[in-house]
Amino acid sequence: PHPKDPTQITKDDKFIYSMPINWEGWKVIIIPLNKFKDSKILIIGGGPTVNEYDWDHKGYDYIFSLHNFYQSDWSSKINIDLYLIGNQTKALSPKFSDYVDGKNIILAMEDLELKRQMVHEIQKRYADKSLLCSCRAQFKSLGASPKLITLALSLGAKQVDCIGVDGVPKKFNKKTTEYKHAFDKTGWDKNYSHESYIDQFKLFSLYLKHYFPYSIVNNLGVG
């Protein structure tokens, strides 16, 4: 049974449909997304301020996170409502399945061209709560968190706060400066300069002000 009769869907409804289940046919899957409209959403990125700063996940209507959050200590403390699966997410691993199974989590996947088998398997396993999404605005040096911020705003959120969207410190040297990912303790492997991060943050700020002028976005970290 579907949450809403497909014949009763209006143009104001946000939903995902026609999710391929196998190659013999299609089954209509509807994932209502209207619940995010006018909400207050927290984005938990993977930058070090997640572990270094004081912040509180309470007081938000919904919480989004991404990539390897399921491997972190936070995964047992915070319930995630929407999870963005990226290239580094081991989404077919038993640990990820253990985290996702039994939870009311929407799984959003980018267009992972190099991981088509993973995409198809996630669609098969979680047909009723997985969707494909792709952000046309790319701010590469800032990682994937801006995509989640943009997605939350596109779904109608009135306020989006984020933590772990950090960039790197001035005069950062990955060979001499410790910079640990908040979720899986891996190091920072990008070669962008500090100035590049500043430029990307400025461009992202302009992008948000232009396309979402009536929404509020706060960075709880240092980005």
C-alpha atoms as a PDB file:
ATOM      1  CA  PRO A   1       0.000   0.000   0.000  1.00  0.00           C
ATOM      2  CA  HIS A   2       1.205   3.475  -0.826  1.00  0.00           C
ATOM      3  CA  PRO A   3       1.117   6.415   1.624  1.00  0.00           C
ATOM      4  CA  LYS A   4      -1.027   8.255  -0.894  1.00  0.00           C
ATOM      5  CA  ASP A   5      -3.115   7.147  -3.838  1.00  0.00           C
ATOM      6  CA  PRO A   6      -1.065   8.077  -6.953  1.00  0.00           C
ATOM      7  CA  THR A   7      -4.208   9.391  -8.614  1.00  0.00           C
ATOM      8  CA  GLN A   8      -4.565  11.940  -5.808  1.00  0.00           C
ATOM      9  CA  ILE A   9      -1.078  13.450  -6.103  1.00  0.00           C
ATOM     10  CA  THR A  10      -1.116  17.202  -6.737  1.00  0.00           C
ATOM     11  CA  LYS A  11       1.524  19.459  -8.229  1.00  0.00           C
ATOM     12  CA  ASP A  12       2.387  20.716  -4.721  1.00  0.00           C
ATOM     13  CA  ASP A  13       3.379  17.264  -3.492  1.00  0.00           C
ATOM     14  CA  LYS A  14       7.064  16.378  -3.394  1.00  0.00           C
ATOM     15  CA  PHE A  15       7.631  12.691  -3.933  1.00  0.00           C
ATOM     16  CA  ILE A  16       9.770  10.124  -5.655  1.00  0.00           C
ATOM     17  CA  TYR A  17       8.180   7.659  -8.028  1.00  0.00           C
ATOM     18  CA  SER A  18       8.873   4.834 -10.496  1.00  0.00           C
ATOM     19  CA  MET A  19      11.757   3.249  -8.599  1.00  0.00           C
ATOM     20  CA  PRO A  20      13.109   0.237 -10.554  1.00  0.00           C
ATOM     21  CA  ILE A  21      12.787  -2.976  -8.538  1.00  0.00           C
ATOM     22  CA  ASN A  22      13.997  -5.405 -11.206  1.00  0.00           C
ATOM     23  CA  TRP A  23      14.467  -5.487 -14.942  1.00  0.00           C
ATOM     24  CA  GLU A  24      11.097  -7.119 -15.598  1.00  0.00           C
ATOM     25  CA  GLY A  25       9.017  -4.117 -14.668  1.00  0.00           C
ATOM     26  CA  TRP A  26       8.492  -1.085 -12.507  1.00  0.00           C
ATOM     27  CA  LYS A  27       6.788  -0.644  -9.189  1.00  0.00           C
ATOM     28  CA  VAL A  28       5.557   2.773  -8.170  1.00  0.00           C
ATOM     29  CA  ILE A  29       7.145   3.888  -4.907  1.00  0.00           C
ATOM     30  CA  ILE A  30       6.056   7.132  -3.302  1.00  0.00           C
ATOM     31  CA  ILE A  31       8.190   8.829  -0.649  1.00  0.00           C
ATOM     32  CA  PRO A  32       6.399  11.894   0.741  1.00  0.00           C
ATOM     33  CA  LEU A  33       8.831  14.754   1.241  1.00  0.00           C
ATOM     34  CA  ASN A  34       6.366  17.479   2.180  1.00  0.00           C
ATOM     35  CA  LYS A  35       7.117  16.958   5.867  1.00  0.00           C
ATOM     36  CA  PHE A  36      10.361  18.906   5.472  1.00  0.00           C
ATOM     37  CA  LYS A  37       8.570  22.084   4.382  1.00  0.00           C
ATOM     38  CA  ASP A  38       8.890  24.992   6.863  1.00  0.00           C
ATOM     39  CA  SER A  39      11.021  22.834   9.154  1.00  0.00           C
ATOM     40  CA  LYS A  40      14.238  23.451  11.067  1.00  0.00           C
ATOM     41  CA  ILE A  41      16.943  21.034   9.928  1.00  0.00           C
ATOM     42  CA  LEU A  42      20.411  20.227  11.272  1.00  0.00           C
ATOM     43  CA  ILE A  43      23.117  19.051   8.857  1.00  0.00           C
ATOM     44  CA  ILE A  44      25.935  17.020  10.426  1.00  0.00           C
ATOM     45  CA  GLY A  45      28.937  17.125   8.102  1.00  0.00           C
ATOM     46  CA  GLY A  46      32.196  15.260   8.535  1.00  0.00           C
ATOM     47  CA  GLY A  47      34.564  18.096   9.471  1.00  0.00           C
ATOM     48  CA  PRO A  48      36.474  18.172  12.768  1.00  0.00           C
ATOM     49  CA  THR A  49      34.240  20.774  14.433  1.00  0.00           C
ATOM     50  CA  VAL A  50      31.686  18.000  14.930  1.00  0.00           C
ATOM     51  CA  ASN A  51      33.979  16.657  17.651  1.00  0.00           C
ATOM     52  CA  GLU A  52      35.695  19.892  18.668  1.00  0.00           C
ATOM     53  CA  TYR A  53      32.772  22.282  19.161  1.00  0.00           C
ATOM     54  CA  ASP A  54      29.827  22.328  21.548  1.00  0.00           C
ATOM     55  CA  TRP A  55      26.546  21.914  19.704  1.00  0.00           C
ATOM     56  CA  ASP A  56      23.187  20.376  20.465  1.00  0.00           C
ATOM     57  CA  HIS A  57      21.123  18.254  18.083  1.00  0.00           C
ATOM     58  CA  LYS A  58      17.972  18.803  20.112  1.00  0.00           C
ATOM     59  CA  GLY A  59      15.457  21.410  19.057  1.00  0.00           C
ATOM     60  CA  TYR A  60      15.462  20.432  15.375  1.00  0.00           C
ATOM     61  CA  ASP A  61      12.578  18.969  13.421  1.00  0.00           C
ATOM     62  CA  TYR A  62      14.876  16.803  11.301  1.00  0.00           C
ATOM     63  CA  ILE A  63      18.548  15.848  11.079  1.00  0.00           C
ATOM     64  CA  PHE A  64      20.478  15.016   7.898  1.00  0.00           C
ATOM     65  CA  SER A  65      23.942  13.468   7.644  1.00  0.00           C
ATOM     66  CA  LEU A  66      26.084  11.663   5.120  1.00  0.00           C
ATOM     67  CA  HIS A  67      28.880   9.329   4.062  1.00  0.00           C
ATOM     68  CA  ASN A  68      30.353   7.456   7.057  1.00  0.00           C
ATOM     69  CA  PHE A  69      28.247   8.871   9.878  1.00  0.00           C
ATOM     70  CA  TYR A  70      27.132   5.321  10.638  1.00  0.00           C
ATOM     71  CA  GLN A  71      30.717   4.496  11.697  1.00  0.00           C
ATOM     72  CA  SER A  72      30.930   7.324  14.226  1.00  0.00           C
ATOM     73  CA  ASP A  73      30.194   7.419  17.935  1.00  0.00           C
ATOM     74  CA  TRP A  74      27.392   9.866  17.152  1.00  0.00           C
ATOM     75  CA  SER A  75      25.395   7.211  15.300  1.00  0.00           C
ATOM     76  CA  SER A  76      24.168   5.644  18.541  1.00  0.00           C
ATOM     77  CA  LYS A  77      23.178   9.006  20.017  1.00  0.00           C
ATOM     78  CA  ILE A  78      21.400  10.796  17.174  1.00  0.00           C
ATOM     79  CA  ASN A  79      18.592   9.623  14.913  1.00  0.00           C
ATOM     80  CA  ILE A  80      19.097  10.623  11.286  1.00  0.00           C
ATOM     81  CA  ASP A  81      16.073  11.379   9.082  1.00  0.00           C
ATOM     82  CA  LEU A  82      17.845  11.652   5.721  1.00  0.00           C
ATOM     83  CA  TYR A  83      21.192  10.064   4.888  1.00  0.00           C
ATOM     84  CA  LEU A  84      23.247  11.010   1.826  1.00  0.00           C
ATOM     85  CA  ILE A  85      25.233   8.067   0.455  1.00  0.00           C
ATOM     86  CA  GLY A  86      28.430   9.098  -1.331  1.00  0.00           C
ATOM     87  CA  ASN A  87      31.342   7.423  -3.057  1.00  0.00           C
ATOM     88  CA  GLN A  88      33.171   6.650   0.187  1.00  0.00           C
ATOM     89  CA  THR A  89      30.125   5.163   1.910  1.00  0.00           C
ATOM     90  CA  LYS A  90      30.394   1.389   2.231  1.00  0.00           C
ATOM     91  CA  ALA A  91      26.653   1.109   1.826  1.00  0.00           C
ATOM     92  CA  LEU A  92      26.666  -2.628   1.124  1.00  0.00           C
ATOM     93  CA  SER A  93      28.626  -3.462   4.260  1.00  0.00           C
ATOM     94  CA  PRO A  94      26.959  -5.369   7.125  1.00  0.00           C
ATOM     95  CA  LYS A  95      27.659  -2.462   9.489  1.00  0.00           C
ATOM     96  CA  PHE A  96      25.757  -0.027   7.287  1.00  0.00           C
ATOM     97  CA  SER A  97      22.854  -2.464   6.938  1.00  0.00           C
ATOM     98  CA  ASP A  98      22.768  -2.945  10.702  1.00  0.00           C
ATOM     99  CA  TYR A  99      22.579   0.823  11.125  1.00  0.00           C
ATOM    100  CA  VAL A 100      19.859   1.414   8.543  1.00  0.00           C
ATOM    101  CA  ASP A 101      17.625  -1.630   9.050  1.00  0.00           C
ATOM    102  CA  GLY A 102      14.623  -0.952  11.207  1.00  0.00           C
ATOM    103  CA  LYS A 103      15.070   2.831  11.101  1.00  0.00           C
ATOM    104  CA  ASN A 104      12.846   5.348   9.380  1.00  0.00           C
ATOM    105  CA  ILE A 105      15.679   6.877   7.328  1.00  0.00           C
ATOM    106  CA  ILE A 106      15.391   8.231   3.803  1.00  0.00           C
ATOM    107  CA  LEU A 107      18.465   7.180   1.834  1.00  0.00           C
ATOM    108  CA  ALA A 108      19.508   9.732  -0.765  1.00  0.00           C
ATOM    109  CA  MET A 109      22.126   8.744  -3.315  1.00  0.00           C
ATOM    110  CA  GLU A 110      24.089  10.851  -5.718  1.00  0.00           C
ATOM    111  CA  ASP A 111      24.422   9.722  -9.308  1.00  0.00           C
ATOM    112  CA  LEU A 112      27.237   7.310  -8.494  1.00  0.00           C
ATOM    113  CA  GLU A 113      28.296   6.300 -11.998  1.00  0.00           C
ATOM    114  CA  LEU A 114      31.251   4.261 -10.745  1.00  0.00           C
ATOM    115  CA  LYS A 115      29.131   2.375  -8.219  1.00  0.00           C
ATOM    116  CA  ARG A 116      26.116   1.312 -10.223  1.00  0.00           C
ATOM    117  CA  GLN A 117      25.915  -2.077  -8.511  1.00  0.00           C
ATOM    118  CA  MET A 118      25.702  -0.391  -5.124  1.00  0.00           C
ATOM    119  CA  VAL A 119      22.978   1.967  -6.333  1.00  0.00           C
ATOM    120  CA  HIS A 120      20.906  -0.899  -7.741  1.00  0.00           C
ATOM    121  CA  GLU A 121      21.353  -2.982  -4.614  1.00  0.00           C
ATOM    122  CA  ILE A 122      20.333  -0.123  -2.309  1.00  0.00           C
ATOM    123  CA  GLN A 123      17.265   0.484  -4.474  1.00  0.00           C
ATOM    124  CA  LYS A 124      16.428  -3.198  -4.239  1.00  0.00           C
ATOM    125  CA  ARG A 125      16.954  -3.485  -0.486  1.00  0.00           C
ATOM    126  CA  TYR A 126      15.338  -0.197   0.473  1.00  0.00           C
ATOM    127  CA  ALA A 127      12.911   0.514  -2.354  1.00  0.00           C
ATOM    128  CA  ASP A 128      10.430   2.249  -0.081  1.00  0.00           C
ATOM    129  CA  LYS A 129      12.925   4.753   1.341  1.00  0.00           C
ATOM    130  CA  SER A 130      15.704   5.364  -1.190  1.00  0.00           C
ATOM    131  CA  LEU A 131      15.973   8.049  -3.839  1.00  0.00           C
ATOM    132  CA  LEU A 132      18.430   9.497  -6.320  1.00  0.00           C
ATOM    133  CA  CYS A 133      19.408  13.136  -6.080  1.00  0.00           C
ATOM    134  CA  SER A 134      22.030  15.309  -7.691  1.00  0.00           C
ATOM    135  CA  CYS A 135      22.978  18.893  -6.913  1.00  0.00           C
ATOM    136  CA  ARG A 136      23.802  20.954  -9.994  1.00  0.00           C
ATOM    137  CA  ALA A 137      25.735  23.465  -7.880  1.00  0.00           C
ATOM    138  CA  GLN A 138      29.144  22.019  -7.049  1.00  0.00           C
ATOM    139  CA  PHE A 139      31.451  23.416  -4.361  1.00  0.00           C
ATOM    140  CA  LYS A 140      34.082  20.726  -4.559  1.00  0.00           C
ATOM    141  CA  SER A 141      36.535  21.883  -1.924  1.00  0.00           C
ATOM    142  CA  LEU A 142      33.762  22.000   0.691  1.00  0.00           C
ATOM    143  CA  GLY A 143      32.860  18.334   0.291  1.00  0.00           C
ATOM    144  CA  ALA A 144      29.327  16.982   0.049  1.00  0.00           C
ATOM    145  CA  SER A 145      27.702  18.874   2.916  1.00  0.00           C
ATOM    146  CA  PRO A 146      26.693  21.847   0.706  1.00  0.00           C
ATOM    147  CA  LYS A 147      24.667  19.365  -1.343  1.00  0.00           C
ATOM    148  CA  LEU A 148      22.750  18.379   1.784  1.00  0.00           C
ATOM    149  CA  ILE A 149      22.199  22.018   2.698  1.00  0.00           C
ATOM    150  CA  THR A 150      20.893  22.712  -0.800  1.00  0.00           C
ATOM    151  CA  LEU A 151      18.671  19.626  -0.665  1.00  0.00           C
ATOM    152  CA  ALA A 152      17.197  20.644   2.686  1.00  0.00           C
ATOM    153  CA  LEU A 153      16.415  24.130   1.379  1.00  0.00           C
ATOM    154  CA  SER A 154      14.993  22.729  -1.854  1.00  0.00           C
ATOM    155  CA  LEU A 155      12.615  20.641   0.226  1.00  0.00           C
ATOM    156  CA  GLY A 156      11.332  23.846   1.814  1.00  0.00           C
ATOM    157  CA  ALA A 157      13.203  24.070   5.113  1.00  0.00           C
ATOM    158  CA  LYS A 158      12.878  27.494   6.710  1.00  0.00           C
ATOM    159  CA  GLN A 159      16.135  27.152   8.668  1.00  0.00           C
ATOM    160  CA  VAL A 160      19.184  24.955   8.141  1.00  0.00           C
ATOM    161  CA  ASP A 161      22.016  24.809  10.669  1.00  0.00           C
ATOM    162  CA  CYS A 162      25.186  22.861   9.938  1.00  0.00           C
ATOM    163  CA  ILE A 163      28.184  21.566  11.835  1.00  0.00           C
ATOM    164  CA  GLY A 164      31.269  19.954  10.328  1.00  0.00           C
ATOM    165  CA  VAL A 165      31.353  22.106   7.174  1.00  0.00           C
ATOM    166  CA  ASP A 166      34.777  23.513   7.928  1.00  0.00           C
ATOM    167  CA  GLY A 167      37.365  23.868   5.193  1.00  0.00           C
ATOM    168  CA  VAL A 168      40.947  23.906   6.528  1.00  0.00           C
ATOM    169  CA  PRO A 169      42.909  26.273   8.797  1.00  0.00           C
ATOM    170  CA  LYS A 170      45.104  28.996   7.338  1.00  0.00           C
ATOM    171  CA  LYS A 171      48.597  27.716   6.393  1.00  0.00           C
ATOM    172  CA  PHE A 172      47.287  24.162   6.629  1.00  0.00           C
ATOM    173  CA  ASN A 173      49.790  21.458   5.688  1.00  0.00           C
ATOM    174  CA  LYS A 174      48.357  17.950   5.584  1.00  0.00           C
ATOM    175  CA  LYS A 175      51.819  16.480   6.244  1.00  0.00           C
ATOM    176  CA  THR A 176      52.351  18.373   9.484  1.00  0.00           C
ATOM    177  CA  THR A 177      48.862  19.345  10.685  1.00  0.00           C
ATOM    178  CA  GLU A 178      46.461  16.775  12.085  1.00  0.00           C
ATOM    179  CA  TYR A 179      43.055  17.050  10.475  1.00  0.00           C
ATOM    180  CA  LYS A 180      40.807  14.122  11.238  1.00  0.00           C
ATOM    181  CA  HIS A 181      37.463  13.324   9.656  1.00  0.00           C
ATOM    182  CA  ALA A 182      34.774  13.388  12.333  1.00  0.00           C
ATOM    183  CA  PHE A 183      33.230  10.034  11.420  1.00  0.00           C
ATOM    184  CA  ASP A 184      35.942   7.564  10.460  1.00  0.00           C
ATOM    185  CA  LYS A 185      39.195   9.155  11.703  1.00  0.00           C
ATOM    186  CA  THR A 186      40.712   9.284   8.223  1.00  0.00           C
ATOM    187  CA  GLY A 187      42.935  12.207   7.284  1.00  0.00           C
ATOM    188  CA  TRP A 188      42.246  15.043   4.875  1.00  0.00           C
ATOM    189  CA  ASP A 189      43.461  14.121   1.388  1.00  0.00           C
ATOM    190  CA  LYS A 190      42.383  17.172  -0.625  1.00  0.00           C
ATOM    191  CA  ASN A 191      44.988  19.548  -2.056  1.00  0.00           C
ATOM    192  CA  TYR A 192      42.904  22.738  -2.100  1.00  0.00           C
ATOM    193  CA  SER A 193      44.523  25.860  -0.660  1.00  0.00           C
ATOM    194  CA  HIS A 194      43.051  27.820   2.221  1.00  0.00           C
ATOM    195  CA  GLU A 195      42.223  30.618  -0.210  1.00  0.00           C
ATOM    196  CA  SER A 196      40.255  28.150  -2.332  1.00  0.00           C
ATOM    197  CA  TYR A 197      38.074  27.284   0.637  1.00  0.00           C
ATOM    198  CA  ILE A 198      37.430  30.942   1.372  1.00  0.00           C
ATOM    199  CA  ASP A 199      36.416  31.540  -2.241  1.00  0.00           C
ATOM    200  CA  GLN A 200      34.122  28.503  -2.244  1.00  0.00           C
ATOM    201  CA  PHE A 201      32.432  29.576   0.990  1.00  0.00           C
ATOM    202  CA  LYS A 202      31.840  33.035  -0.483  1.00  0.00           C
ATOM    203  CA  LEU A 203      30.388  31.572  -3.675  1.00  0.00           C
ATOM    204  CA  PHE A 204      28.207  29.175  -1.718  1.00  0.00           C
ATOM    205  CA  SER A 205      26.938  32.052   0.425  1.00  0.00           C
ATOM    206  CA  LEU A 206      26.049  34.037  -2.709  1.00  0.00           C
ATOM    207  CA  TYR A 207      24.341  30.977  -4.186  1.00  0.00           C
ATOM    208  CA  LEU A 208      22.186  30.479  -1.086  1.00  0.00           C
ATOM    209  CA  LYS A 209      21.234  34.149  -0.863  1.00  0.00           C
ATOM    210  CA  HIS A 210      20.242  34.195  -4.535  1.00  0.00           C
ATOM    211  CA  TYR A 211      18.208  30.993  -4.705  1.00  0.00           C
ATOM    212  CA  PHE A 212      16.913  30.796  -1.123  1.00  0.00           C
ATOM    213  CA  PRO A 213      16.642  34.444  -0.035  1.00  0.00           C
ATOM    214  CA  TYR A 214      13.964  33.813   2.584  1.00  0.00           C
ATOM    215  CA  SER A 215      15.631  30.887   4.325  1.00  0.00           C
ATOM    216  CA  ILE A 216      18.098  30.988   7.226  1.00  0.00           C
ATOM    217  CA  VAL A 217      21.412  29.102   7.084  1.00  0.00           C
ATOM    218  CA  ASN A 218      23.790  29.020  10.069  1.00  0.00           C
ATOM    219  CA  ASN A 219      27.203  27.379  10.292  1.00  0.00           C
ATOM    220  CA  LEU A 220      27.761  26.209  13.858  1.00  0.00           C
ATOM    221  CA  GLY A 221      31.408  25.402  13.079  1.00  0.00           C
ATOM    222  CA  VAL A 222      34.154  27.594  11.629  1.00  0.00           C
ATOM    223  CA  GLY A 223      33.412  27.578   7.897  1.00  0.00           C
END
